[in-house]
N, C-alpha and C. Protein backbone atom coordinates (compact mmCIF):
# COMPACT_ATOMS: atom_id res chain seq x y z
N MET A 1 -4.11 3.11 15.22
CA MET A 1 -5.20 2.19 14.94
C MET A 1 -4.90 0.82 15.54
N ALA A 2 -5.94 0.18 15.96
CA ALA A 2 -5.81 -1.16 16.53
C ALA A 2 -5.38 -2.15 15.46
N ALA A 3 -4.88 -3.28 15.91
CA ALA A 3 -4.35 -4.28 14.98
C ALA A 3 -5.44 -5.16 14.38
N ASP A 4 -6.70 -5.01 14.82
CA ASP A 4 -7.75 -5.87 14.27
C ASP A 4 -7.91 -5.62 12.78
N PRO A 5 -8.24 -6.66 12.03
CA PRO A 5 -8.34 -6.51 10.57
C PRO A 5 -9.55 -5.65 10.18
N PRO A 6 -9.41 -4.85 9.11
CA PRO A 6 -10.49 -3.96 8.68
C PRO A 6 -11.80 -4.70 8.38
N GLU A 7 -11.73 -5.94 7.93
CA GLU A 7 -12.97 -6.67 7.63
C GLU A 7 -13.77 -6.99 8.89
N ALA A 8 -13.13 -6.84 10.06
CA ALA A 8 -13.82 -7.09 11.33
C ALA A 8 -14.47 -5.83 11.90
N TRP A 9 -14.19 -4.67 11.29
CA TRP A 9 -14.73 -3.42 11.80
C TRP A 9 -16.23 -3.34 11.55
N THR A 10 -16.95 -2.89 12.55
CA THR A 10 -18.38 -2.62 12.36
C THR A 10 -18.52 -1.30 11.61
N ARG A 11 -19.71 -1.02 11.17
CA ARG A 11 -19.99 0.26 10.49
C ARG A 11 -19.63 1.44 11.40
N GLU A 12 -19.98 1.34 12.67
CA GLU A 12 -19.69 2.40 13.63
C GLU A 12 -18.19 2.57 13.85
N GLU A 13 -17.46 1.45 13.89
CA GLU A 13 -16.01 1.53 14.04
C GLU A 13 -15.38 2.18 12.80
N LEU A 14 -15.88 1.83 11.64
CA LEU A 14 -15.36 2.43 10.41
C LEU A 14 -15.61 3.94 10.43
N ALA A 15 -16.81 4.36 10.80
CA ALA A 15 -17.12 5.79 10.89
C ALA A 15 -16.19 6.47 11.90
N GLY A 16 -15.98 5.84 13.03
CA GLY A 16 -15.11 6.40 14.05
C GLY A 16 -13.68 6.55 13.56
N ARG A 17 -13.20 5.56 12.83
CA ARG A 17 -11.83 5.60 12.30
C ARG A 17 -11.68 6.68 11.23
N ILE A 18 -12.69 6.83 10.37
CA ILE A 18 -12.64 7.90 9.37
C ILE A 18 -12.61 9.24 10.07
N HIS A 19 -13.46 9.41 11.06
CA HIS A 19 -13.50 10.68 11.79
C HIS A 19 -12.17 10.95 12.48
N GLU A 20 -11.65 9.94 13.15
CA GLU A 20 -10.40 10.09 13.91
C GLU A 20 -9.23 10.52 13.02
N ILE A 21 -9.11 9.89 11.87
CA ILE A 21 -7.94 10.14 11.02
C ILE A 21 -8.10 11.39 10.15
N SER A 22 -9.34 11.79 9.83
CA SER A 22 -9.48 12.84 8.82
C SER A 22 -10.16 14.12 9.28
N ASN A 23 -10.73 14.16 10.47
CA ASN A 23 -11.44 15.36 10.91
C ASN A 23 -10.47 16.41 11.41
N LEU A 24 -10.52 17.58 10.80
CA LEU A 24 -9.69 18.71 11.20
C LEU A 24 -10.59 19.83 11.68
N ARG A 25 -10.15 20.58 12.67
CA ARG A 25 -10.90 21.72 13.20
C ARG A 25 -10.17 23.00 12.84
N GLY A 26 -10.93 24.05 12.56
CA GLY A 26 -10.37 25.34 12.20
C GLY A 26 -11.35 26.07 11.30
N GLU A 27 -10.83 26.92 10.44
CA GLU A 27 -11.68 27.61 9.46
C GLU A 27 -11.22 27.20 8.07
N PHE A 28 -12.14 26.61 7.31
CA PHE A 28 -11.80 26.07 6.00
C PHE A 28 -12.79 26.56 4.96
N THR A 29 -12.29 27.00 3.82
CA THR A 29 -13.14 27.35 2.70
C THR A 29 -13.26 26.10 1.83
N LEU A 30 -14.50 25.67 1.60
CA LEU A 30 -14.76 24.46 0.81
C LEU A 30 -14.80 24.80 -0.67
N ARG A 31 -14.76 23.78 -1.53
CA ARG A 31 -14.82 23.97 -2.97
C ARG A 31 -16.05 24.78 -3.36
N SER A 32 -17.15 24.58 -2.63
CA SER A 32 -18.41 25.27 -2.92
C SER A 32 -18.35 26.75 -2.57
N GLY A 33 -17.30 27.16 -1.84
CA GLY A 33 -17.19 28.54 -1.38
C GLY A 33 -17.68 28.72 0.05
N ALA A 34 -18.38 27.73 0.56
CA ALA A 34 -18.86 27.79 1.94
C ALA A 34 -17.67 27.71 2.89
N VAL A 35 -17.82 28.32 4.06
CA VAL A 35 -16.79 28.26 5.09
C VAL A 35 -17.29 27.31 6.17
N ALA A 36 -16.43 26.39 6.60
CA ALA A 36 -16.79 25.39 7.59
C ALA A 36 -15.79 25.41 8.74
N ASP A 37 -16.25 25.01 9.93
CA ASP A 37 -15.36 24.96 11.09
C ASP A 37 -14.74 23.57 11.28
N GLN A 38 -15.19 22.62 10.46
CA GLN A 38 -14.52 21.32 10.44
C GLN A 38 -14.39 20.86 9.01
N TYR A 39 -13.36 20.09 8.78
CA TYR A 39 -13.03 19.65 7.43
C TYR A 39 -12.62 18.19 7.50
N PHE A 40 -13.13 17.40 6.57
CA PHE A 40 -12.71 16.00 6.49
C PHE A 40 -11.68 15.90 5.38
N ASP A 41 -10.42 15.74 5.79
CA ASP A 41 -9.33 15.64 4.84
C ASP A 41 -9.33 14.23 4.26
N LYS A 42 -9.99 14.11 3.13
CA LYS A 42 -10.18 12.82 2.47
C LYS A 42 -8.87 12.13 2.15
N TYR A 43 -7.83 12.90 1.91
CA TYR A 43 -6.56 12.28 1.56
C TYR A 43 -5.99 11.49 2.72
N ARG A 44 -6.37 11.84 3.92
CA ARG A 44 -5.91 11.08 5.08
C ARG A 44 -6.53 9.68 5.11
N PHE A 45 -7.82 9.56 4.77
CA PHE A 45 -8.39 8.20 4.77
C PHE A 45 -8.11 7.48 3.47
N GLU A 46 -7.87 8.21 2.39
CA GLU A 46 -7.56 7.56 1.11
C GLU A 46 -6.11 7.06 1.06
N ALA A 47 -5.25 7.67 1.86
CA ALA A 47 -3.83 7.29 1.86
C ALA A 47 -3.53 6.15 2.82
N ASP A 48 -4.48 5.78 3.65
CA ASP A 48 -4.29 4.70 4.60
C ASP A 48 -4.81 3.41 3.95
N PRO A 49 -3.94 2.47 3.58
CA PRO A 49 -4.38 1.30 2.81
C PRO A 49 -5.41 0.44 3.52
N ARG A 50 -5.30 0.28 4.82
CA ARG A 50 -6.28 -0.55 5.55
C ARG A 50 -7.64 0.15 5.59
N LEU A 51 -7.63 1.44 5.84
CA LEU A 51 -8.87 2.20 5.92
C LEU A 51 -9.52 2.29 4.53
N LEU A 52 -8.72 2.54 3.50
CA LEU A 52 -9.26 2.61 2.14
C LEU A 52 -9.88 1.28 1.73
N ALA A 53 -9.24 0.17 2.07
CA ALA A 53 -9.79 -1.15 1.75
C ALA A 53 -11.13 -1.37 2.47
N ALA A 54 -11.19 -0.97 3.72
CA ALA A 54 -12.45 -1.13 4.48
C ALA A 54 -13.55 -0.25 3.90
N ILE A 55 -13.20 0.96 3.47
CA ILE A 55 -14.18 1.86 2.86
C ILE A 55 -14.70 1.25 1.56
N ALA A 56 -13.80 0.75 0.72
CA ALA A 56 -14.21 0.14 -0.55
C ALA A 56 -15.11 -1.07 -0.30
N ARG A 57 -14.77 -1.87 0.69
CA ARG A 57 -15.58 -3.04 1.02
C ARG A 57 -16.99 -2.61 1.41
N ALA A 58 -17.09 -1.56 2.22
CA ALA A 58 -18.40 -1.07 2.65
C ALA A 58 -19.16 -0.39 1.51
N MET A 59 -18.45 0.28 0.61
CA MET A 59 -19.11 0.99 -0.49
C MET A 59 -19.64 0.07 -1.57
N ARG A 60 -19.12 -1.14 -1.66
CA ARG A 60 -19.58 -2.03 -2.74
C ARG A 60 -21.08 -2.27 -2.64
N ASP A 61 -21.64 -2.21 -1.44
CA ASP A 61 -23.09 -2.40 -1.28
C ASP A 61 -23.89 -1.21 -1.81
N LEU A 62 -23.24 -0.09 -2.09
CA LEU A 62 -23.92 1.08 -2.64
C LEU A 62 -24.02 1.04 -4.17
N ILE A 63 -23.35 0.09 -4.78
CA ILE A 63 -23.30 0.02 -6.24
C ILE A 63 -24.56 -0.68 -6.76
N PRO A 64 -25.37 0.03 -7.56
CA PRO A 64 -26.59 -0.60 -8.08
C PRO A 64 -26.26 -1.59 -9.21
N SER A 65 -27.19 -2.47 -9.47
CA SER A 65 -26.99 -3.40 -10.59
C SER A 65 -27.08 -2.63 -11.90
N GLY A 66 -26.50 -3.20 -12.93
CA GLY A 66 -26.56 -2.61 -14.26
C GLY A 66 -25.46 -1.62 -14.56
N VAL A 67 -24.53 -1.41 -13.65
CA VAL A 67 -23.43 -0.48 -13.87
C VAL A 67 -22.35 -1.18 -14.70
N ASP A 68 -21.88 -0.49 -15.75
CA ASP A 68 -20.83 -1.03 -16.62
C ASP A 68 -19.43 -0.68 -16.13
N ALA A 69 -19.30 0.50 -15.50
CA ALA A 69 -17.99 0.96 -15.06
C ALA A 69 -18.17 2.02 -13.97
N LEU A 70 -17.11 2.18 -13.19
CA LEU A 70 -17.07 3.16 -12.11
C LEU A 70 -16.26 4.37 -12.58
N ALA A 71 -16.80 5.56 -12.41
CA ALA A 71 -16.15 6.79 -12.88
C ALA A 71 -15.70 7.61 -11.68
N GLY A 72 -14.41 7.57 -11.37
CA GLY A 72 -13.85 8.32 -10.25
C GLY A 72 -13.46 9.71 -10.67
N LEU A 73 -13.91 10.70 -9.89
CA LEU A 73 -13.64 12.10 -10.22
C LEU A 73 -12.30 12.56 -9.64
N GLU A 74 -11.59 13.33 -10.46
CA GLU A 74 -10.32 13.91 -10.05
C GLU A 74 -10.55 14.78 -8.82
N MET A 75 -9.77 14.74 -7.87
CA MET A 75 -8.64 13.88 -7.62
C MET A 75 -9.01 12.85 -6.55
N GLY A 76 -9.88 13.23 -5.62
CA GLY A 76 -10.21 12.34 -4.51
C GLY A 76 -10.94 11.08 -4.91
N GLY A 77 -11.67 11.09 -6.01
CA GLY A 77 -12.38 9.90 -6.44
C GLY A 77 -11.49 8.84 -7.06
N ILE A 78 -10.26 9.21 -7.42
CA ILE A 78 -9.36 8.28 -8.11
C ILE A 78 -8.93 7.13 -7.20
N PRO A 79 -8.41 7.38 -5.99
CA PRO A 79 -8.06 6.23 -5.15
C PRO A 79 -9.27 5.39 -4.78
N LEU A 80 -10.41 6.05 -4.56
CA LEU A 80 -11.63 5.32 -4.22
C LEU A 80 -12.07 4.40 -5.35
N VAL A 81 -12.09 4.92 -6.57
CA VAL A 81 -12.55 4.11 -7.70
C VAL A 81 -11.58 2.97 -7.98
N THR A 82 -10.31 3.19 -7.73
CA THR A 82 -9.32 2.12 -7.91
C THR A 82 -9.57 1.00 -6.89
N ALA A 83 -9.77 1.37 -5.63
CA ALA A 83 -10.04 0.37 -4.59
C ALA A 83 -11.37 -0.33 -4.84
N LEU A 84 -12.39 0.42 -5.26
CA LEU A 84 -13.70 -0.18 -5.56
C LEU A 84 -13.63 -1.12 -6.75
N SER A 85 -12.87 -0.75 -7.75
CA SER A 85 -12.70 -1.60 -8.92
C SER A 85 -12.05 -2.92 -8.51
N ARG A 86 -11.06 -2.82 -7.68
CA ARG A 86 -10.37 -4.02 -7.18
C ARG A 86 -11.32 -4.88 -6.36
N GLU A 87 -12.17 -4.24 -5.57
CA GLU A 87 -13.10 -4.94 -4.69
C GLU A 87 -14.23 -5.62 -5.47
N THR A 88 -14.69 -4.98 -6.56
CA THR A 88 -15.88 -5.46 -7.27
C THR A 88 -15.59 -6.14 -8.61
N GLY A 89 -14.45 -5.86 -9.19
CA GLY A 89 -14.16 -6.37 -10.52
C GLY A 89 -14.71 -5.49 -11.64
N LEU A 90 -15.39 -4.40 -11.29
CA LEU A 90 -15.89 -3.47 -12.30
C LEU A 90 -14.74 -2.60 -12.80
N PRO A 91 -14.73 -2.27 -14.09
CA PRO A 91 -13.67 -1.40 -14.63
C PRO A 91 -13.77 0.01 -14.03
N ALA A 92 -12.62 0.65 -13.95
CA ALA A 92 -12.55 2.02 -13.44
C ALA A 92 -12.22 3.00 -14.56
N LEU A 93 -12.84 4.15 -14.49
CA LEU A 93 -12.51 5.28 -15.35
C LEU A 93 -12.02 6.40 -14.46
N PHE A 94 -11.03 7.13 -14.92
CA PHE A 94 -10.45 8.23 -14.15
C PHE A 94 -10.82 9.53 -14.87
N VAL A 95 -11.70 10.30 -14.24
CA VAL A 95 -12.31 11.46 -14.89
C VAL A 95 -11.64 12.75 -14.44
N ARG A 96 -11.14 13.50 -15.42
CA ARG A 96 -10.53 14.80 -15.16
C ARG A 96 -11.60 15.88 -15.03
N LYS A 97 -11.20 17.01 -14.48
CA LYS A 97 -12.12 18.15 -14.41
C LYS A 97 -12.27 18.78 -15.80
N ALA A 98 -11.28 18.60 -16.63
CA ALA A 98 -11.33 19.08 -18.02
C ALA A 98 -10.45 18.15 -18.85
N ALA A 99 -10.84 17.95 -20.09
CA ALA A 99 -10.05 17.10 -20.98
C ALA A 99 -8.64 17.66 -21.10
N LYS A 100 -7.66 16.76 -21.09
CA LYS A 100 -6.29 17.25 -21.23
C LYS A 100 -6.09 17.77 -22.65
N GLU A 101 -5.15 18.68 -22.79
CA GLU A 101 -4.95 19.36 -24.08
C GLU A 101 -3.81 18.77 -24.89
N TYR A 102 -3.36 17.58 -24.54
CA TYR A 102 -2.26 16.94 -25.27
C TYR A 102 -2.52 15.44 -25.29
N GLY A 103 -1.69 14.72 -26.00
CA GLY A 103 -1.82 13.26 -26.06
C GLY A 103 -3.17 12.84 -26.61
N THR A 104 -3.90 12.08 -25.83
CA THR A 104 -5.20 11.57 -26.28
C THR A 104 -6.31 12.61 -26.17
N CYS A 105 -6.06 13.69 -25.43
CA CYS A 105 -7.03 14.78 -25.23
C CYS A 105 -8.34 14.28 -24.65
N LYS A 106 -8.26 13.30 -23.78
CA LYS A 106 -9.47 12.69 -23.21
C LYS A 106 -9.89 13.34 -21.90
N LEU A 107 -11.19 13.31 -21.66
CA LEU A 107 -11.75 13.72 -20.38
C LEU A 107 -11.57 12.62 -19.34
N ALA A 108 -11.71 11.37 -19.79
CA ALA A 108 -11.61 10.23 -18.88
C ALA A 108 -10.68 9.18 -19.48
N GLU A 109 -9.86 8.63 -18.62
CA GLU A 109 -8.93 7.58 -19.02
C GLU A 109 -9.41 6.24 -18.48
N GLY A 110 -8.99 5.17 -19.13
CA GLY A 110 -9.27 3.83 -18.63
C GLY A 110 -10.25 3.04 -19.46
N GLY A 111 -10.88 3.65 -20.43
CA GLY A 111 -11.83 2.91 -21.27
C GLY A 111 -12.81 3.83 -21.96
N GLU A 112 -13.68 3.21 -22.71
CA GLU A 112 -14.69 3.95 -23.46
C GLU A 112 -15.79 4.48 -22.55
N ILE A 113 -16.38 5.56 -22.97
CA ILE A 113 -17.48 6.19 -22.24
C ILE A 113 -18.80 5.98 -22.97
N THR A 114 -18.77 6.15 -24.27
CA THR A 114 -19.98 6.09 -25.09
C THR A 114 -20.74 4.78 -24.90
N GLY A 115 -22.03 4.91 -24.60
CA GLY A 115 -22.90 3.75 -24.49
C GLY A 115 -22.81 3.02 -23.17
N ARG A 116 -22.00 3.49 -22.25
CA ARG A 116 -21.83 2.79 -20.97
C ARG A 116 -22.71 3.41 -19.88
N HIS A 117 -23.13 2.57 -18.98
CA HIS A 117 -23.89 2.99 -17.80
C HIS A 117 -22.87 3.15 -16.67
N LEU A 118 -22.58 4.41 -16.32
CA LEU A 118 -21.53 4.71 -15.35
C LEU A 118 -22.10 5.06 -13.99
N LEU A 119 -21.34 4.77 -12.96
CA LEU A 119 -21.61 5.20 -11.60
C LEU A 119 -20.49 6.14 -11.20
N VAL A 120 -20.84 7.37 -10.85
CA VAL A 120 -19.84 8.36 -10.44
C VAL A 120 -19.44 8.08 -8.99
N VAL A 121 -18.13 8.12 -8.75
CA VAL A 121 -17.59 7.88 -7.41
C VAL A 121 -16.85 9.14 -6.97
N GLU A 122 -17.24 9.64 -5.80
CA GLU A 122 -16.64 10.85 -5.24
C GLU A 122 -16.31 10.60 -3.78
N ASP A 123 -15.45 11.42 -3.23
CA ASP A 123 -15.05 11.25 -1.83
C ASP A 123 -16.00 11.97 -0.89
N VAL A 124 -16.03 13.29 -0.95
CA VAL A 124 -16.86 14.10 -0.07
C VAL A 124 -17.75 14.99 -0.92
N VAL A 125 -19.05 15.04 -0.58
CA VAL A 125 -19.99 15.88 -1.33
C VAL A 125 -20.53 16.97 -0.41
N THR A 126 -20.40 18.19 -0.89
CA THR A 126 -20.98 19.34 -0.17
C THR A 126 -22.18 19.82 -0.97
N SER A 127 -21.92 20.51 -2.08
CA SER A 127 -23.01 21.02 -2.92
C SER A 127 -23.32 20.10 -4.09
N GLY A 128 -22.40 19.20 -4.41
CA GLY A 128 -22.57 18.33 -5.57
C GLY A 128 -22.15 18.97 -6.88
N GLY A 129 -21.57 20.15 -6.80
CA GLY A 129 -21.22 20.91 -8.00
C GLY A 129 -20.31 20.18 -8.97
N GLN A 130 -19.24 19.57 -8.46
CA GLN A 130 -18.31 18.89 -9.37
C GLN A 130 -18.95 17.65 -9.99
N ILE A 131 -19.78 16.96 -9.24
CA ILE A 131 -20.48 15.80 -9.81
C ILE A 131 -21.37 16.25 -10.95
N LEU A 132 -22.09 17.35 -10.75
CA LEU A 132 -22.97 17.85 -11.82
C LEU A 132 -22.18 18.24 -13.06
N LEU A 133 -21.06 18.93 -12.88
CA LEU A 133 -20.23 19.34 -14.02
C LEU A 133 -19.67 18.12 -14.76
N SER A 134 -19.09 17.20 -14.01
CA SER A 134 -18.48 16.02 -14.63
C SER A 134 -19.53 15.12 -15.27
N THR A 135 -20.67 14.99 -14.64
CA THR A 135 -21.75 14.17 -15.20
C THR A 135 -22.24 14.76 -16.52
N ALA A 136 -22.38 16.08 -16.57
CA ALA A 136 -22.80 16.72 -17.82
C ALA A 136 -21.79 16.43 -18.94
N ASP A 137 -20.51 16.51 -18.61
CA ASP A 137 -19.47 16.22 -19.60
C ASP A 137 -19.53 14.76 -20.05
N LEU A 138 -19.66 13.84 -19.11
CA LEU A 138 -19.71 12.42 -19.45
C LEU A 138 -20.98 12.07 -20.24
N ARG A 139 -22.09 12.65 -19.86
CA ARG A 139 -23.33 12.43 -20.62
C ARG A 139 -23.18 12.99 -22.03
N GLY A 140 -22.49 14.11 -22.16
CA GLY A 140 -22.24 14.68 -23.48
C GLY A 140 -21.42 13.78 -24.38
N LEU A 141 -20.65 12.88 -23.76
CA LEU A 141 -19.85 11.91 -24.51
C LEU A 141 -20.57 10.58 -24.70
N GLY A 142 -21.85 10.54 -24.32
CA GLY A 142 -22.66 9.35 -24.58
C GLY A 142 -22.85 8.39 -23.43
N ALA A 143 -22.46 8.77 -22.22
CA ALA A 143 -22.65 7.89 -21.06
C ALA A 143 -24.04 8.08 -20.48
N THR A 144 -24.54 7.03 -19.86
CA THR A 144 -25.77 7.11 -19.06
C THR A 144 -25.34 7.15 -17.61
N ILE A 145 -25.80 8.16 -16.89
CA ILE A 145 -25.46 8.30 -15.47
C ILE A 145 -26.73 8.69 -14.73
N GLU A 146 -27.08 7.86 -13.76
CA GLU A 146 -28.27 8.11 -12.95
C GLU A 146 -27.93 8.24 -11.47
N ARG A 147 -26.76 7.72 -11.08
CA ARG A 147 -26.42 7.67 -9.65
C ARG A 147 -24.97 8.06 -9.43
N ALA A 148 -24.72 8.49 -8.21
CA ALA A 148 -23.36 8.75 -7.74
C ALA A 148 -23.26 8.22 -6.31
N ILE A 149 -22.06 7.85 -5.91
CA ILE A 149 -21.83 7.42 -4.54
C ILE A 149 -20.65 8.21 -3.98
N CYS A 150 -20.64 8.36 -2.65
CA CYS A 150 -19.54 9.05 -2.01
C CYS A 150 -19.30 8.45 -0.64
N VAL A 151 -18.17 8.80 -0.06
CA VAL A 151 -17.85 8.34 1.29
C VAL A 151 -18.61 9.20 2.30
N ILE A 152 -18.54 10.54 2.13
CA ILE A 152 -19.14 11.46 3.10
C ILE A 152 -20.04 12.47 2.41
N ASP A 153 -21.29 12.53 2.86
CA ASP A 153 -22.22 13.59 2.47
C ASP A 153 -22.17 14.61 3.60
N ARG A 154 -21.72 15.81 3.31
CA ARG A 154 -21.61 16.85 4.33
C ARG A 154 -22.98 17.38 4.78
N GLU A 155 -24.05 16.89 4.15
CA GLU A 155 -25.41 17.31 4.49
C GLU A 155 -25.58 18.82 4.32
N ALA A 156 -25.08 19.30 3.18
CA ALA A 156 -25.12 20.73 2.90
C ALA A 156 -25.89 21.03 1.61
N GLY A 157 -26.85 20.18 1.26
CA GLY A 157 -27.68 20.43 0.09
C GLY A 157 -27.28 19.68 -1.16
N GLY A 158 -26.20 18.92 -1.11
CA GLY A 158 -25.75 18.19 -2.29
C GLY A 158 -26.74 17.16 -2.79
N VAL A 159 -27.38 16.43 -1.89
CA VAL A 159 -28.35 15.40 -2.29
C VAL A 159 -29.47 16.02 -3.10
N GLU A 160 -29.99 17.13 -2.62
CA GLU A 160 -31.11 17.80 -3.31
C GLU A 160 -30.67 18.41 -4.64
N LYS A 161 -29.51 19.04 -4.65
CA LYS A 161 -29.01 19.66 -5.89
C LYS A 161 -28.75 18.59 -6.95
N LEU A 162 -28.18 17.48 -6.55
CA LEU A 162 -27.93 16.39 -7.50
C LEU A 162 -29.24 15.80 -8.00
N ALA A 163 -30.21 15.62 -7.12
CA ALA A 163 -31.52 15.07 -7.53
C ALA A 163 -32.16 15.97 -8.58
N ALA A 164 -32.01 17.28 -8.41
CA ALA A 164 -32.55 18.22 -9.40
C ALA A 164 -31.86 18.06 -10.75
N GLY A 165 -30.62 17.56 -10.74
CA GLY A 165 -29.87 17.31 -11.97
C GLY A 165 -30.01 15.88 -12.48
N GLY A 166 -30.94 15.13 -11.89
CA GLY A 166 -31.19 13.76 -12.35
C GLY A 166 -30.21 12.73 -11.83
N ILE A 167 -29.57 13.02 -10.69
CA ILE A 167 -28.59 12.09 -10.14
C ILE A 167 -28.97 11.78 -8.68
N ALA A 168 -29.15 10.51 -8.38
CA ALA A 168 -29.42 10.08 -7.01
C ALA A 168 -28.08 9.83 -6.33
N LEU A 169 -27.89 10.40 -5.14
CA LEU A 169 -26.65 10.23 -4.41
C LEU A 169 -26.85 9.27 -3.24
N SER A 170 -25.95 8.30 -3.12
CA SER A 170 -25.91 7.42 -1.96
C SER A 170 -24.57 7.64 -1.29
N ALA A 171 -24.61 7.89 0.02
CA ALA A 171 -23.39 8.14 0.78
C ALA A 171 -23.14 6.99 1.75
N LEU A 172 -21.90 6.62 1.90
CA LEU A 172 -21.55 5.63 2.90
C LEU A 172 -21.86 6.18 4.29
N PHE A 173 -21.50 7.46 4.50
CA PHE A 173 -21.78 8.13 5.77
C PHE A 173 -22.22 9.56 5.51
N ARG A 174 -23.10 10.04 6.36
CA ARG A 174 -23.42 11.47 6.41
C ARG A 174 -22.49 12.07 7.45
N MET A 175 -22.30 13.36 7.37
CA MET A 175 -21.47 14.05 8.34
C MET A 175 -21.93 13.76 9.76
N SER A 176 -23.24 13.75 9.97
CA SER A 176 -23.78 13.51 11.32
C SER A 176 -23.44 12.09 11.81
N ASP A 177 -23.31 11.12 10.90
CA ASP A 177 -22.90 9.77 11.30
C ASP A 177 -21.48 9.78 11.87
N LEU A 178 -20.60 10.52 11.19
CA LEU A 178 -19.20 10.57 11.64
C LEU A 178 -19.07 11.30 12.96
N VAL A 179 -19.82 12.38 13.12
CA VAL A 179 -19.78 13.14 14.37
C VAL A 179 -20.30 12.26 15.50
N ALA A 180 -21.41 11.54 15.27
CA ALA A 180 -21.97 10.66 16.30
C ALA A 180 -20.99 9.54 16.66
N ALA A 181 -20.26 9.03 15.68
CA ALA A 181 -19.31 7.93 15.95
C ALA A 181 -18.10 8.40 16.73
N SER A 182 -17.87 9.71 16.74
CA SER A 182 -16.69 10.24 17.44
C SER A 182 -16.94 10.45 18.92
N ARG A 183 -18.18 10.32 19.34
CA ARG A 183 -18.52 10.59 20.76
C ARG A 183 -18.26 9.40 21.62
């Protein structure tokens, strides 16, 4: 990566850098069960501190007003929600796929859920399945959730499936944005 500071990157440069560092080619089975010939390894862009900071800076504009806390989904949403919390000052919640069976036995760590207006934060969305499952659990604990944000929408039906579940998804980039930026 060039030495220029991440705050100087344009949207297209950010997309290009995400694509460069995280795009893998081959045959990959996704969480949804779909098979893809390219995979965006989110851990590669989440583990790069400069790139993660630039992503969080760009994602802050996706956060609607009225949000009480950011809810990052295990595991890829955790570094994102931490960086976004630091960028915005909003509290972060760390949401497990299932409540732990020991200690506090909580589904989400970092604060209260009941009565809060949460924004779900995810890394890559394909079908939206995990967002729907986690949102149902959080709503069952008294949270209000109307929106989710992600870094990459794979453009594989997640937006529509989430909308059917009462969740509007905003993505920093669609898969086609990243592919276009790589040319």
